[in-house]
C-alpha atoms as a PDB file:
ATOM      1  CA  MET A   1     -23.467   8.566  45.030  1.00  0.00           C
ATOM      2  CA  THR A   2     -26.147  10.806  46.492  1.00  0.00           C
ATOM      3  CA  THR A   3     -27.016  14.134  44.903  1.00  0.00           C
ATOM      4  CA  GLY A   4     -28.969  16.947  46.513  1.00  0.00           C
ATOM      5  CA  LEU A   5     -32.146  15.737  44.796  1.00  0.00           C
ATOM      6  CA  ASP A   6     -31.703  12.157  45.964  1.00  0.00           C
ATOM      7  CA  ALA A   7     -30.760  12.935  49.569  1.00  0.00           C
ATOM      8  CA  ASN A   8     -33.331  12.441  52.292  1.00  0.00           C
ATOM      9  CA  PHE A   9     -34.508  15.515  54.174  1.00  0.00           C
ATOM     10  CA  VAL A  10     -35.288  13.303  57.199  1.00  0.00           C
ATOM     11  CA  ASP A  11     -33.497   9.991  57.639  1.00  0.00           C
ATOM     12  CA  LEU A  12     -33.826   7.905  60.801  1.00  0.00           C
ATOM     13  CA  ARG A  13     -32.452   4.388  60.920  1.00  0.00           C
ATOM     14  CA  ASN A  14     -32.952   1.966  63.812  1.00  0.00           C
ATOM     15  CA  CYS A  15     -33.757   4.867  66.122  1.00  0.00           C
ATOM     16  CA  SER A  16     -34.969   4.028  69.635  1.00  0.00           C
ATOM     17  CA  LEU A  17     -35.900   6.064  72.682  1.00  0.00           C
ATOM     18  CA  ALA A  18     -36.359   4.930  76.269  1.00  0.00           C
ATOM     19  CA  TYR A  19     -37.555   7.138  79.116  1.00  0.00           C
ATOM     20  CA  ASN A  20     -36.008   6.496  82.518  1.00  0.00           C
ATOM     21  CA  THR A  21     -38.490   5.947  85.331  1.00  0.00           C
ATOM     22  CA  ALA A  22     -38.040   5.168  89.018  1.00  0.00           C
ATOM     23  CA  ASP A  23     -38.603   1.450  88.384  1.00  0.00           C
ATOM     24  CA  GLN A  24     -37.087   0.774  84.970  1.00  0.00           C
ATOM     25  CA  PRO A  25     -36.667   2.356  81.539  1.00  0.00           C
ATOM     26  CA  VAL A  26     -39.813   2.531  79.404  1.00  0.00           C
ATOM     27  CA  LEU A  27     -39.304   1.979  75.693  1.00  0.00           C
ATOM     28  CA  ALA A  28     -41.244   4.699  73.864  1.00  0.00           C
ATOM     29  CA  LEU A  29     -39.967   4.006  70.358  1.00  0.00           C
ATOM     30  CA  ALA A  30     -38.164   0.906  69.121  1.00  0.00           C
ATOM     31  CA  GLU A  31     -35.961   0.655  66.024  1.00  0.00           C
ATOM     32  CA  ALA A  32     -37.901   3.231  64.007  1.00  0.00           C
ATOM     33  CA  ASN A  33     -36.959   3.770  60.378  1.00  0.00           C
ATOM     34  CA  ILE A  34     -38.194   6.694  58.305  1.00  0.00           C
ATOM     35  CA  ALA A  35     -36.941   8.430  55.187  1.00  0.00           C
ATOM     36  CA  ILE A  36     -38.577  11.575  53.822  1.00  0.00           C
ATOM     37  CA  ARG A  37     -37.317  13.474  50.796  1.00  0.00           C
ATOM     38  CA  LYS A  38     -37.543  17.232  50.547  1.00  0.00           C
ATOM     39  CA  GLY A  39     -40.937  18.209  49.157  1.00  0.00           C
ATOM     40  CA  GLU A  40     -42.646  14.957  50.140  1.00  0.00           C
ATOM     41  CA  PHE A  41     -45.848  14.964  52.177  1.00  0.00           C
ATOM     42  CA  MET A  42     -46.241  12.497  55.010  1.00  0.00           C
ATOM     43  CA  ALA A  43     -48.635  11.902  57.872  1.00  0.00           C
ATOM     44  CA  LEU A  44     -48.226  10.076  61.175  1.00  0.00           C
ATOM     45  CA  LEU A  45     -51.284   8.093  62.162  1.00  0.00           C
ATOM     46  CA  GLY A  46     -51.848   5.806  65.076  1.00  0.00           C
ATOM     47  CA  PRO A  47     -53.526   5.342  68.423  1.00  0.00           C
ATOM     48  CA  SER A  48     -52.678   7.287  71.546  1.00  0.00           C
ATOM     49  CA  GLY A  49     -49.333   6.261  72.985  1.00  0.00           C
ATOM     50  CA  CYS A  50     -47.886   4.663  69.854  1.00  0.00           C
ATOM     51  CA  GLY A  51     -44.930   7.101  69.536  1.00  0.00           C
ATOM     52  CA  LYS A  52     -46.099   9.791  67.077  1.00  0.00           C
ATOM     53  CA  SER A  53     -45.095  12.732  69.262  1.00  0.00           C
ATOM     54  CA  THR A  54     -41.900  10.990  70.325  1.00  0.00           C
ATOM     55  CA  LEU A  55     -40.899  10.507  66.694  1.00  0.00           C
ATOM     56  CA  LEU A  56     -41.535  14.191  65.931  1.00  0.00           C
ATOM     57  CA  LYS A  57     -39.477  15.253  68.955  1.00  0.00           C
ATOM     58  CA  LEU A  58     -36.592  13.104  67.698  1.00  0.00           C
ATOM     59  CA  VAL A  59     -36.797  14.477  64.155  1.00  0.00           C
ATOM     60  CA  THR A  60     -36.764  18.078  65.437  1.00  0.00           C
ATOM     61  CA  PHE A  61     -33.912  17.370  67.884  1.00  0.00           C
ATOM     62  CA  LEU A  62     -36.000  18.308  70.927  1.00  0.00           C
ATOM     63  CA  ILE A  63     -34.883  15.075  72.586  1.00  0.00           C
ATOM     64  CA  PRO A  64     -31.882  12.841  71.796  1.00  0.00           C
ATOM     65  CA  ALA A  65     -32.333   9.232  70.715  1.00  0.00           C
ATOM     66  CA  THR A  66     -31.302   6.459  73.083  1.00  0.00           C
ATOM     67  CA  THR A  67     -29.839   4.518  70.147  1.00  0.00           C
END
């Protein structure tokens, strides 16, 4: 059983996103998993092009996940 204190504020499981291009789909994020509880602090770190912005767009519902 999950209470309000135990529930995740953000919960993505096996989330992927592919952008369609003229040639073929480009996988931007593959099977991402993230769980953040309310009040937790987290940071996304990584090199350019690794999916940080894509993940944030998914979490904020700016773009829908492919899967």
